[in-house]
Protein backbone atom coordinates (compact mmCIF):
# COMPACT_ATOMS: atom_id res chain seq x y z
CA UNK A 1 -10.22 148.94 -54.03
CA UNK A 2 -13.28 148.21 -52.14
CA UNK A 3 -16.79 147.24 -53.39
CA UNK A 4 -20.05 146.98 -51.69
CA UNK A 5 -21.64 144.26 -53.79
CA UNK A 6 -20.48 141.43 -55.95
CA UNK A 7 -21.32 143.08 -59.27
CA UNK A 8 -19.41 146.16 -58.48
CA UNK A 9 -16.47 144.04 -57.29
CA UNK A 10 -16.61 142.17 -60.52
CA UNK A 11 -16.44 145.31 -62.66
CA UNK A 12 -13.49 146.55 -60.52
CA UNK A 13 -11.67 143.09 -61.21
CA UNK A 14 -12.29 143.55 -64.91
CA UNK A 15 -10.66 146.92 -65.02
CA UNK A 16 -7.81 146.45 -62.38
CA UNK A 17 -6.85 142.75 -62.90
CA UNK A 18 -6.11 142.01 -59.38
CA UNK A 19 -3.48 139.48 -58.03
CA UNK A 20 -5.63 138.71 -55.10
CA UNK A 21 -9.41 138.94 -54.53
CA UNK A 22 -10.65 139.04 -50.82
CA UNK A 23 -14.30 138.83 -50.52
CA UNK A 24 -17.10 137.93 -48.14
CA UNK A 25 -19.41 135.20 -49.33
CA UNK A 26 -22.66 136.86 -48.44
CA UNK A 27 -23.08 140.08 -50.43
CA UNK A 28 -26.00 141.79 -52.34
CA UNK A 29 -26.49 141.26 -56.16
CA UNK A 30 -23.85 138.52 -56.67
CA UNK A 31 -22.50 136.35 -53.84
CA UNK A 32 -18.79 136.03 -53.16
CA UNK A 33 -18.57 132.39 -54.68
CA UNK A 34 -20.21 133.58 -57.85
CA UNK A 35 -17.93 136.51 -58.08
CA UNK A 36 -14.85 134.17 -57.29
CA UNK A 37 -15.94 131.89 -60.31
CA UNK A 38 -16.44 134.69 -62.63
CA UNK A 39 -13.14 136.32 -61.71
CA UNK A 40 -11.19 132.97 -61.76
CA UNK A 41 -12.69 132.26 -65.27
CA UNK A 42 -11.55 135.52 -66.71
CA UNK A 43 -8.29 135.97 -64.55
CA UNK A 44 -6.96 132.45 -63.81
CA UNK A 45 -3.84 133.82 -62.18
CA UNK A 46 -5.87 135.75 -59.54
CA UNK A 47 -5.82 134.14 -56.15
CA UNK A 48 -9.14 134.13 -54.17
CA UNK A 49 -9.63 134.31 -50.46
CA UNK A 50 -13.23 134.24 -49.06
CA UNK A 51 -14.62 134.62 -45.75
CA UNK A 52 -17.97 133.87 -44.21
CA UNK A 53 -19.89 133.36 -40.93
CA UNK A 54 -22.71 131.23 -42.38
CA UNK A 55 -22.89 127.47 -42.28
CA UNK A 56 -24.58 127.41 -45.59
CA UNK A 57 -21.31 128.50 -47.24
CA UNK A 58 -20.05 124.83 -47.19
CA UNK A 59 -22.79 123.79 -49.69
CA UNK A 60 -21.97 126.82 -52.11
CA UNK A 61 -18.27 125.84 -52.00
CA UNK A 62 -19.05 122.19 -52.81
CA UNK A 63 -21.18 123.16 -55.80
CA UNK A 64 -18.20 125.42 -56.92
CA UNK A 65 -15.81 122.60 -56.50
CA UNK A 66 -18.02 120.18 -58.58
CA UNK A 67 -17.73 123.05 -61.29
CA UNK A 68 -13.79 122.72 -61.00
CA UNK A 69 -13.29 125.72 -58.67
CA UNK A 70 -11.67 125.41 -55.24
CA UNK A 71 -11.14 128.46 -53.07
CA UNK A 72 -9.70 129.37 -49.57
CA UNK A 73 -12.21 130.24 -46.95
CA UNK A 74 -11.71 131.73 -43.57
CA UNK A 75 -14.57 131.54 -41.02
CA UNK A 76 -15.81 134.90 -39.43
CA UNK A 77 -14.80 136.45 -37.14
CA UNK A 78 -11.42 136.74 -38.73
CA UNK A 79 -8.64 137.99 -36.60
CA UNK A 80 -6.70 140.67 -38.49
CA UNK A 81 -3.34 138.90 -37.89
CA UNK A 82 -4.89 135.64 -39.39
CA UNK A 83 -6.02 137.51 -42.33
CA UNK A 84 -2.80 139.28 -42.89
CA UNK A 85 -0.77 135.94 -42.58
CA UNK A 86 -3.11 134.25 -45.08
CA UNK A 87 -2.77 137.15 -47.48
CA UNK A 88 1.20 136.88 -47.10
CA UNK A 89 0.91 133.04 -47.60
CA UNK A 90 -1.12 133.46 -50.87
CA UNK A 91 1.05 136.19 -52.26
CA UNK A 92 4.23 134.23 -51.48
CA UNK A 93 2.86 131.23 -53.09
CA UNK A 94 2.15 133.07 -56.29
CA UNK A 95 5.53 134.79 -56.31
CA UNK A 96 8.31 133.26 -58.29
CA UNK A 97 11.29 131.95 -55.97
């Protein structure tokens, strides 16, 4: 499902229980890193893939890491094939062999 701000995405995640959350970092209401932390705290098995075109994202990711959360980040613009391959990699890593 699609959401247009971080809070809406969080509410969807609480009702759908996703295997993978793909989110931009810069969003209204709640940024993608805050969203990822909340989702991972409640749904530890949910993989998270973030993307951003802003240099300030590195500081926010470092703050999350200091809190015990590490997330994958793709720099924008993201080529669709790169995004699809990253999603395949994440899903395959989470799937039992």
